[in-house]
Protein backbone atom coordinates (compact mmCIF):
# COMPACT_ATOMS: atom_id res chain seq x y z
CA MET A 1 110.55 108.42 79.39
CA PHE A 2 109.49 104.66 78.13
CA LEU A 3 108.75 104.24 81.66
CA LEU A 4 105.88 106.74 82.23
CA ALA A 5 103.76 105.53 79.26
CA ASP A 6 104.55 101.80 80.65
CA LEU A 7 103.42 102.80 83.90
CA VAL A 8 100.30 104.02 82.24
CA GLY A 9 100.02 101.22 80.43
CA LEU A 10 99.87 99.55 83.63
CA VAL A 11 96.90 101.32 84.66
CA ARG A 12 95.13 101.76 81.58
CA ARG A 13 95.89 98.21 79.36
CA PRO A 14 97.30 95.82 81.94
CA PHE A 15 97.02 93.11 79.78
CA THR A 16 98.91 94.67 76.79
CA ALA A 17 101.14 96.42 78.48
CA LEU A 18 102.80 93.74 80.85
CA ARG A 19 102.16 91.45 77.06
CA THR A 20 104.78 93.97 76.38
CA ILE A 21 106.90 94.83 79.06
CA ASP A 22 107.83 90.92 78.82
CA GLN A 23 108.69 91.08 75.42
CA ARG A 24 110.34 94.09 74.61
CA ARG A 25 111.77 95.92 77.81
CA SER A 26 115.11 94.29 79.04
CA LEU A 27 115.66 93.95 82.62
CA ALA A 28 117.86 97.35 83.37
CA ALA A 29 114.37 98.87 82.36
CA GLY A 30 112.73 97.16 85.19
CA LEU A 31 115.07 97.33 88.16
CA ALA A 32 115.09 100.66 86.82
CA ALA A 33 111.37 100.92 86.72
CA LEU A 34 112.08 98.70 90.04
CA GLY A 35 114.54 101.96 91.86
CA LEU A 36 112.48 104.87 91.00
CA SER A 37 109.17 103.52 93.46
CA ILE A 38 110.81 103.20 96.10
CA THR A 39 113.15 106.23 96.30
CA LEU A 40 110.60 108.38 95.41
CA PRO A 41 108.56 107.68 98.34
CA ALA A 42 111.65 107.99 100.15
CA ALA A 43 112.44 111.60 99.25
CA VAL A 44 108.59 112.13 99.97
CA ALA A 45 108.82 111.04 103.27
CA GLU A 46 112.11 112.47 104.08
CA VAL A 47 110.37 116.47 102.96
CA ALA A 48 107.59 115.11 105.18
CA ALA A 49 109.94 114.48 108.04
CA LEU A 50 110.74 118.33 108.16
CA ALA A 51 107.67 118.83 110.19
CA PRO A 52 107.33 119.72 114.12
CA PHE A 53 107.06 116.82 116.20
CA ARG A 54 103.51 116.06 117.22
CA PRO A 55 102.22 113.75 120.09
CA PRO A 56 100.23 110.74 118.86
CA PRO A 57 96.56 111.70 118.93
CA SER A 58 94.16 110.74 122.36
CA LEU A 59 96.80 109.84 124.05
CA GLY A 60 94.84 110.41 127.43
CA SER A 61 92.34 108.00 126.39
CA LEU A 62 94.33 104.92 126.10
CA PRO A 63 95.55 102.59 129.09
CA SER A 64 99.12 104.11 130.57
CA LEU A 65 101.12 101.19 128.85
CA THR A 66 99.29 101.76 125.94
CA ALA A 67 99.83 105.33 126.12
CA GLN A 68 103.55 105.48 127.20
CA GLY A 69 104.67 102.46 124.45
CA ALA A 70 103.13 105.19 121.84
CA ASP A 71 104.75 108.18 123.17
CA ILE A 72 107.88 105.98 122.87
CA TYR A 73 107.67 105.09 119.57
CA ALA A 74 106.19 107.90 118.33
CA ARG A 75 109.76 109.98 119.48
CA TRP A 76 111.57 106.84 117.77
CA VAL A 77 110.22 107.32 114.85
CA TYR A 78 110.36 111.31 115.78
CA GLY A 79 114.02 111.09 116.17
CA HIS A 80 114.98 108.59 113.40
CA ARG A 81 112.77 110.45 110.79
CA PHE A 82 115.49 111.38 108.07
CA LEU A 83 117.11 107.78 108.79
CA LEU A 84 113.49 105.72 108.27
CA PRO A 85 113.14 106.00 104.58
CA VAL A 86 116.84 105.48 103.22
CA TYR A 87 115.89 101.73 105.85
CA GLY A 88 113.29 101.90 103.76
CA ILE A 89 115.05 102.11 100.78
CA ALA A 90 116.96 98.88 101.66
CA ILE A 91 113.61 97.10 103.30
CA SER A 92 111.41 97.49 99.99
CA LEU A 93 114.02 96.19 97.40
CA ILE A 94 115.23 93.32 99.54
CA LEU A 95 111.28 92.95 100.36
CA TRP A 96 110.47 93.27 96.64
CA VAL A 97 113.49 90.77 95.29
CA ALA A 98 112.85 88.83 97.42
CA ALA A 99 109.14 88.04 96.70
CA ALA A 100 110.78 87.97 92.88
CA GLY A 101 112.54 85.04 93.66
CA LEU A 102 109.34 83.04 95.64
CA ILE A 103 107.12 84.04 92.58
CA HIS A 104 110.17 82.20 90.53
CA VAL A 105 110.50 79.17 92.38
CA ILE A 106 107.19 78.39 93.32
CA ALA A 107 105.91 78.75 89.39
CA ARG A 108 108.56 76.72 88.13
CA THR A 109 107.73 74.22 91.26
CA LEU A 110 104.16 74.19 89.17
CA GLY A 111 105.51 74.11 85.71
CA GLY A 112 106.25 77.25 84.77
CA ARG A 113 108.95 77.91 81.66
CA GLY A 114 109.01 81.53 82.27
CA ASP A 115 113.27 82.44 83.96
CA PHE A 116 114.01 84.51 86.51
CA ALA A 117 115.12 87.64 85.20
CA GLY A 118 112.00 87.95 83.28
CA MET A 119 110.30 87.94 86.82
CA ALA A 120 112.33 90.44 88.23
CA LYS A 121 112.31 92.63 85.59
CA LEU A 122 107.52 92.21 85.77
CA VAL A 123 108.01 92.80 89.94
CA GLY A 124 109.96 95.75 88.96
CA TYR A 125 106.68 97.40 86.78
CA ALA A 126 104.79 96.19 89.24
CA ALA A 127 106.53 98.25 91.86
CA LEU A 128 106.08 100.93 89.86
CA VAL A 129 102.47 101.46 89.65
CA GLY A 130 103.32 102.49 93.30
CA LEU A 131 104.47 105.43 92.01
CA VAL A 132 100.36 106.12 91.63
CA ALA A 133 100.33 107.55 95.04
CA LEU A 134 102.83 109.60 94.69
CA PRO A 135 100.64 113.01 94.13
CA VAL A 136 98.90 112.05 97.68
CA ALA A 137 101.96 111.02 99.31
CA LEU A 138 103.08 114.08 98.77
CA VAL A 139 99.61 116.23 99.83
CA ASP A 140 100.27 114.96 102.79
CA ALA A 141 104.12 115.56 103.61
CA LEU A 142 103.21 119.79 102.83
CA LEU A 143 99.72 118.90 105.43
CA LYS A 144 102.52 117.82 107.64
CA LEU A 145 104.28 120.62 107.52
CA GLN A 146 101.90 122.94 107.53
CA GLY A 147 100.67 120.70 110.83
CA ALA A 148 97.27 121.07 109.56
CA THR A 149 95.94 118.50 112.29
CA GLN A 150 92.71 118.27 111.55
CA ALA A 151 93.41 118.14 107.63
CA GLU A 152 95.54 116.04 108.23
CA ALA A 153 93.35 113.30 109.70
CA ALA A 154 91.27 114.05 106.94
CA PHE A 155 93.34 113.12 103.84
CA GLY A 156 94.98 110.18 106.03
CA GLN A 157 91.57 108.32 105.34
CA LEU A 158 91.80 108.77 101.73
CA ALA A 159 95.60 108.11 101.42
CA GLY A 160 95.10 105.20 103.48
CA PHE A 161 92.14 103.81 100.77
CA VAL A 162 94.49 104.76 98.00
CA ALA A 163 97.53 102.82 99.20
CA VAL A 164 95.37 99.45 99.84
CA ALA A 165 93.46 100.05 95.81
CA ILE A 166 97.21 99.98 95.20
CA PHE A 167 98.76 97.32 96.53
CA LEU A 168 95.68 95.40 95.58
CA TRP A 169 96.29 96.75 91.83
CA GLN A 170 100.13 95.26 91.80
CA ASN A 171 98.63 91.74 93.27
CA ALA A 172 96.51 91.49 90.24
CA LEU A 173 99.14 92.98 87.94
CA LEU A 174 101.89 90.42 89.97
CA VAL A 175 99.53 87.87 89.10
CA ILE A 176 98.36 88.12 85.17
CA ALA A 177 102.44 88.62 84.92
CA ALA A 178 103.38 84.61 86.09
CA ARG A 179 100.41 83.85 84.15
CA ASP A 180 101.96 84.96 81.26
CA HIS A 181 105.22 84.56 81.81
CA TYR A 182 105.52 81.40 83.15
CA ALA A 183 102.61 80.19 80.54
CA ILE A 184 100.77 78.85 83.67
CA SER A 185 97.49 78.83 84.84
CA THR A 186 95.55 81.48 86.59
CA GLN A 187 95.00 79.35 89.61
CA ARG A 188 98.76 78.50 89.60
CA ALA A 189 99.14 81.77 88.78
CA VAL A 190 97.43 83.43 91.79
CA ALA A 191 99.31 80.62 94.74
CA ALA A 192 102.26 81.77 93.18
CA VAL A 193 102.07 84.99 93.90
CA ILE A 194 99.71 85.45 97.24
CA GLY A 195 102.22 82.59 99.06
CA PRO A 196 104.69 84.96 98.41
CA ILE A 197 102.97 88.25 99.00
CA GLY A 198 101.71 86.62 102.76
CA ALA A 199 105.04 85.96 103.75
CA VAL A 200 106.37 89.72 102.81
CA ILE A 201 103.55 90.55 105.09
CA VAL A 202 104.94 88.39 108.34
CA LEU A 203 108.10 89.61 107.66
CA ALA A 204 107.02 93.26 107.34
CA LEU A 205 104.91 92.88 110.47
CA ALA A 206 107.76 90.82 112.32
CA LEU A 207 110.39 94.11 111.61
CA ILE A 208 107.29 96.92 112.45
CA ILE A 209 106.41 95.11 115.84
CA LEU A 210 110.30 94.54 116.85
CA GLY A 211 110.69 98.42 115.76
CA ILE A 212 108.96 98.56 118.39
CA VAL A 213 109.97 96.95 120.84
CA LEU A 214 113.29 98.15 120.30
CA ALA A 215 112.58 101.40 120.58
CA ILE A 216 110.30 101.21 123.58
CA ILE A 217 113.73 99.35 125.43
CA ALA A 218 116.06 101.84 123.90
CA GLN A 219 113.97 104.84 125.79
CA GLN A 220 113.68 102.88 129.69
CA THR A 221 117.13 101.77 129.42
C-alpha cells in the first residue's frame, strides 16, 4: 500500500515525497515500483491485443510506397500483438536502468556524492508516475475491443496528451531527485538528466525504425 501512497505523494507533494523516498524507502521498493510501472501497462496492452485487425486509416491518400509500408507494418504489429508487450517489458527495463546508470555517472562526474542504488530507487519511483495514465490506456483498450473507430481516434489524442504530460513530469521528478540525492545544483541536475533521456529517446527511435525495416523486409521475402 505504501507504493500507492508514494505515488499520490509524487503527484501532490513531489519535493516532500522524493525526500521521503530517498531517506526511508529501500532499493527493493524502488525496483517493485519500476516493475509495476512496466508490467501493468503491458497487461493493458495485452487486453487491447484482443481487438480485431483494422488497417491503418487513410491508406488511399498516401503515396503507394508509404501506404505499402504502413500496411505491412500494421499487419506485422497485429501478428505479434501478444508478444510486443512482453518485449516492451524487457526493453523498458533496460532503458530505465540505463537511464539511472547514465544519470549516476554524469552526476558523479559533475561533483555529486550520491550512490547508484539510491538513484536507481528514485528512478523506479519516477517510472511509477506513469501509472497515472493507466485508466486512460484501459479506456483506449476497451474502445479498441468495441471497434469504436471514431471514438478511439478522438480519445487517442487525449491519451497522447496525457503521455506527453507524464513524460515531462517524470523528467522534472528525475531532475529534483538527482539534485537532492547527489547534492548538486539544479543546472547540473538538468544536465545529468537531459543527456541520458535524450540518449534513451534516440535509442528507442532507432529500435522502432529497425523494427519497421525488418518487418517490411520479412513481408517482401
